[in-house]
Protein backbone atom coordinates (compact mmCIF):
# COMPACT_ATOMS: atom_id res chain seq x y z
CA MET A 1 -55.92 132.76 -43.03
CA GLN A 2 -58.28 134.38 -40.55
CA ILE A 3 -61.37 136.42 -41.44
CA GLU A 4 -62.65 138.88 -38.84
CA GLN A 5 -66.05 139.79 -40.26
CA LEU A 6 -69.03 138.03 -41.76
CA LEU A 7 -68.42 137.19 -45.41
CA LEU A 8 -71.15 138.23 -47.74
CA LYS A 9 -69.44 139.27 -50.98
CA GLU A 10 -66.56 138.03 -53.04
CA ALA A 11 -65.10 141.54 -52.93
CA GLN A 12 -64.47 141.14 -49.19
CA LEU A 13 -62.03 138.33 -49.90
CA GLY A 14 -59.79 140.48 -52.08
CA ASN A 15 -57.24 138.32 -53.93
CA ALA A 16 -57.66 135.28 -51.65
CA LEU A 17 -59.77 133.33 -54.18
CA SER A 18 -57.36 134.10 -57.01
CA ILE A 19 -54.31 133.15 -54.95
CA SER A 20 -55.84 129.86 -53.83
CA VAL A 21 -56.61 128.97 -57.46
CA HIS A 22 -53.11 129.81 -58.73
CA GLU A 23 -51.40 127.96 -55.91
CA SER A 24 -53.74 124.93 -56.33
CA ARG A 25 -55.01 125.10 -52.76
CA ARG A 26 -58.39 123.51 -53.33
CA GLY A 27 -59.21 123.25 -49.66
CA ASP A 28 -58.78 127.00 -49.09
CA PHE A 29 -60.79 127.77 -52.23
CA ALA A 30 -63.65 125.51 -51.10
CA LEU A 31 -63.54 126.97 -47.59
CA LEU A 32 -63.71 130.52 -48.88
CA LEU A 33 -66.64 129.76 -51.20
CA SER A 34 -68.54 127.96 -48.46
CA ALA A 35 -68.05 130.95 -46.14
CA LEU A 36 -69.77 133.31 -48.59
CA SER A 37 -73.44 134.12 -48.27
CA GLN A 38 -75.86 131.66 -49.88
CA ASP A 39 -78.12 134.51 -51.03
CA VAL A 40 -77.21 135.52 -54.56
CA LEU A 41 -78.49 139.04 -54.02
CA ASP A 42 -75.64 139.63 -51.54
CA PHE A 43 -72.99 139.22 -54.27
CA SER A 44 -71.07 142.22 -55.60
CA GLN A 45 -72.77 142.11 -58.98
CA PHE A 46 -76.07 143.06 -57.34
CA ASP A 47 -74.64 145.72 -55.04
CA LEU A 48 -75.56 148.69 -57.18
CA PRO A 49 -75.18 152.27 -56.04
CA ARG A 50 -78.31 153.62 -54.47
CA SER A 51 -79.67 157.05 -55.23
CA THR A 52 -82.89 158.78 -54.45
CA ILE A 53 -85.05 158.90 -57.52
CA ASP A 54 -88.34 160.65 -57.56
CA GLU A 55 -90.87 157.99 -58.34
CA ALA A 56 -93.06 159.02 -61.23
CA ASP A 57 -96.78 158.53 -60.96
CA LYS A 58 -97.35 155.10 -62.54
CA SER A 59 -101.09 154.95 -62.07
CA GLU A 60 -103.21 153.94 -65.02
CA GLU A 61 -104.77 157.38 -65.34
CA ALA A 62 -101.37 159.11 -65.38
CA LEU A 63 -100.08 156.74 -68.06
CA ARG A 64 -103.22 157.24 -70.15
CA LYS A 65 -102.74 160.99 -69.93
CA ALA A 66 -99.02 160.82 -70.77
CA LEU A 67 -99.57 158.51 -73.74
CA GLN A 68 -102.70 160.39 -74.81
CA VAL A 69 -104.80 157.25 -74.82
CA GLY A 70 -108.58 157.41 -74.89
CA PRO A 71 -110.93 156.17 -72.19
CA LYS A 72 -110.72 152.60 -70.95
CA GLN A 73 -113.10 150.14 -72.56
CA PRO A 74 -115.24 148.50 -69.90
CA LEU A 75 -115.63 144.73 -69.83
CA ALA A 76 -119.36 144.94 -69.17
CA PRO A 77 -121.90 147.61 -68.26
CA GLU A 78 -122.84 148.14 -64.63
CA GLU A 79 -126.31 146.70 -65.27
CA PHE A 80 -127.60 144.28 -67.89
CA ASP A 81 -127.93 146.03 -71.26
CA PHE A 82 -128.98 144.61 -74.62
CA SER A 83 -128.61 147.93 -76.42
CA ILE A 84 -124.84 147.68 -76.97
CA GLY A 85 -124.05 148.67 -80.54
CA GLN A 86 -127.58 149.75 -81.42
CA TYR A 87 -126.47 153.25 -82.48
CA ASN A 88 -123.93 151.96 -85.01
CA ARG A 89 -126.66 151.86 -87.64
CA TYR A 90 -126.83 155.68 -87.62
CA PHE A 91 -123.10 155.91 -88.26
CA VAL A 92 -123.32 153.43 -91.15
CA LYS A 93 -125.90 155.59 -92.90
CA ASP A 94 -123.99 158.86 -92.45
CA GLY A 95 -120.27 158.16 -92.64
CA GLY A 96 -119.62 154.45 -92.70
CA LEU A 97 -117.02 152.40 -90.93
CA GLU A 98 -114.72 155.34 -90.15
CA ASP A 99 -117.44 157.00 -88.07
CA ILE A 100 -118.02 153.77 -86.15
CA LYS A 101 -114.29 153.47 -85.39
CA LEU A 102 -114.08 157.12 -84.31
CA ASN A 103 -117.09 156.74 -82.03
CA GLU A 104 -115.57 153.57 -80.53
CA CYS A 105 -112.35 155.45 -79.75
CA LEU A 106 -114.16 158.37 -78.15
CA ASP A 107 -116.78 156.39 -76.25
CA PRO A 108 -115.85 152.69 -76.08
CA GLU A 109 -118.65 150.21 -75.61
CA PRO A 110 -118.38 147.29 -73.20
CA PHE A 111 -117.11 143.97 -74.48
CA HIS A 112 -120.10 142.04 -73.19
CA ILE A 113 -123.72 142.83 -72.40
CA ARG A 114 -123.76 141.45 -68.85
CA ASP A 115 -121.47 141.64 -65.86
CA ASP A 116 -122.30 138.33 -64.22
CA LYS A 117 -119.56 135.76 -63.70
CA SER A 118 -122.02 133.09 -62.62
CA HIS A 119 -124.22 133.45 -65.72
CA ILE A 120 -124.44 130.29 -67.81
CA PRO A 121 -125.64 130.79 -71.39
CA LEU A 122 -128.95 129.20 -72.33
CA HIS A 123 -127.46 126.93 -75.00
CA VAL A 124 -125.16 125.41 -72.34
CA VAL A 125 -128.03 124.88 -69.89
CA GLU A 126 -130.12 123.21 -72.60
CA ASN A 127 -127.37 120.64 -73.20
CA LEU A 128 -127.09 119.63 -69.54
CA GLU A 129 -128.45 116.38 -68.20
CA PRO A 130 -131.89 116.74 -66.60
CA ALA A 131 -130.56 116.04 -63.10
CA VAL A 132 -127.84 118.69 -63.45
CA ARG A 133 -130.35 121.13 -64.93
CA ALA A 134 -132.69 120.56 -61.95
CA LYS A 135 -129.82 121.07 -59.51
CA LEU A 136 -128.85 124.31 -61.25
CA TYR A 137 -132.45 125.49 -61.10
CA ARG A 138 -132.67 124.70 -57.38
CA GLN A 139 -129.46 126.66 -56.77
CA LYS A 140 -130.86 129.74 -58.49
CA HIS A 141 -134.34 129.42 -56.97
CA PRO A 142 -134.02 127.97 -53.44
CA GLU A 143 -137.56 129.04 -52.51
CA VAL A 144 -139.01 126.59 -55.09
CA ASP A 145 -137.34 123.55 -53.57
CA VAL A 146 -140.22 121.25 -52.56
CA LYS A 147 -138.31 118.66 -50.57
CA ASP A 148 -137.64 119.32 -46.93
CA LYS A 149 -133.94 119.16 -46.21
CA GLU A 150 -134.48 118.06 -42.60
CA ILE A 151 -135.75 114.59 -41.80
CA ASP A 152 -137.83 113.73 -38.76
CA ALA A 153 -135.56 111.08 -37.27
CA ALA A 154 -137.94 110.05 -34.49
CA ALA A 155 -140.84 109.41 -36.89
CA PHE A 156 -138.55 107.50 -39.26
CA TYR A 157 -137.32 105.29 -36.40
CA ASP A 158 -140.92 104.67 -35.27
CA GLN A 159 -141.84 103.53 -38.81
CA LEU A 160 -138.91 101.14 -38.87
CA ALA A 161 -139.68 99.78 -35.41
CA SER A 162 -143.42 99.30 -36.04
CA GLY A 163 -142.87 97.37 -39.23
CA ASP A 164 -144.87 99.74 -41.48
CA MET A 165 -141.81 100.49 -43.55
CA GLN A 166 -140.89 96.77 -43.85
CA SER A 167 -144.36 95.83 -45.07
CA GLN A 168 -144.17 98.48 -47.80
CA LEU A 169 -140.76 97.21 -48.85
CA ASN A 170 -142.01 93.59 -49.05
CA ILE A 171 -144.92 94.64 -51.26
CA ALA A 172 -142.61 96.45 -53.66
CA VAL A 173 -140.39 93.36 -54.06
């Protein structure tokens, strides 16, 4: 049995696999299977006819228009706003819960009052250890940091060499 082209699909073998099974030629069967492509997508089952299909507009706006869905509800306002939901009290007086639901469908309010991923709520900050709280404060306000980050290595070495530092350490012990 000689094959002249690169084997990719089982369909290229014709009846060779079936014949090798019926005649109990395990070596030929194994050889034919090993010669096939290792990529499953090359098999005949996945070789579907291709046709040119006009791709429909699948953007979010087009789908909202086709499904007649209202405006998208934002996750948070562009700038910090505590007044979310403050106008609901007027709807409660006039029409009740139905008016609130209708207003929410027509003009959805943001889910949250702030759009800041790095914001940590105050009750979480209050439960932090003092050292962690100080580190968090220094991260938010770097201009307040009192300690100098750079050390004067020459002056430190002079203190060690002169013995001033050692005398202070002996007094503390």
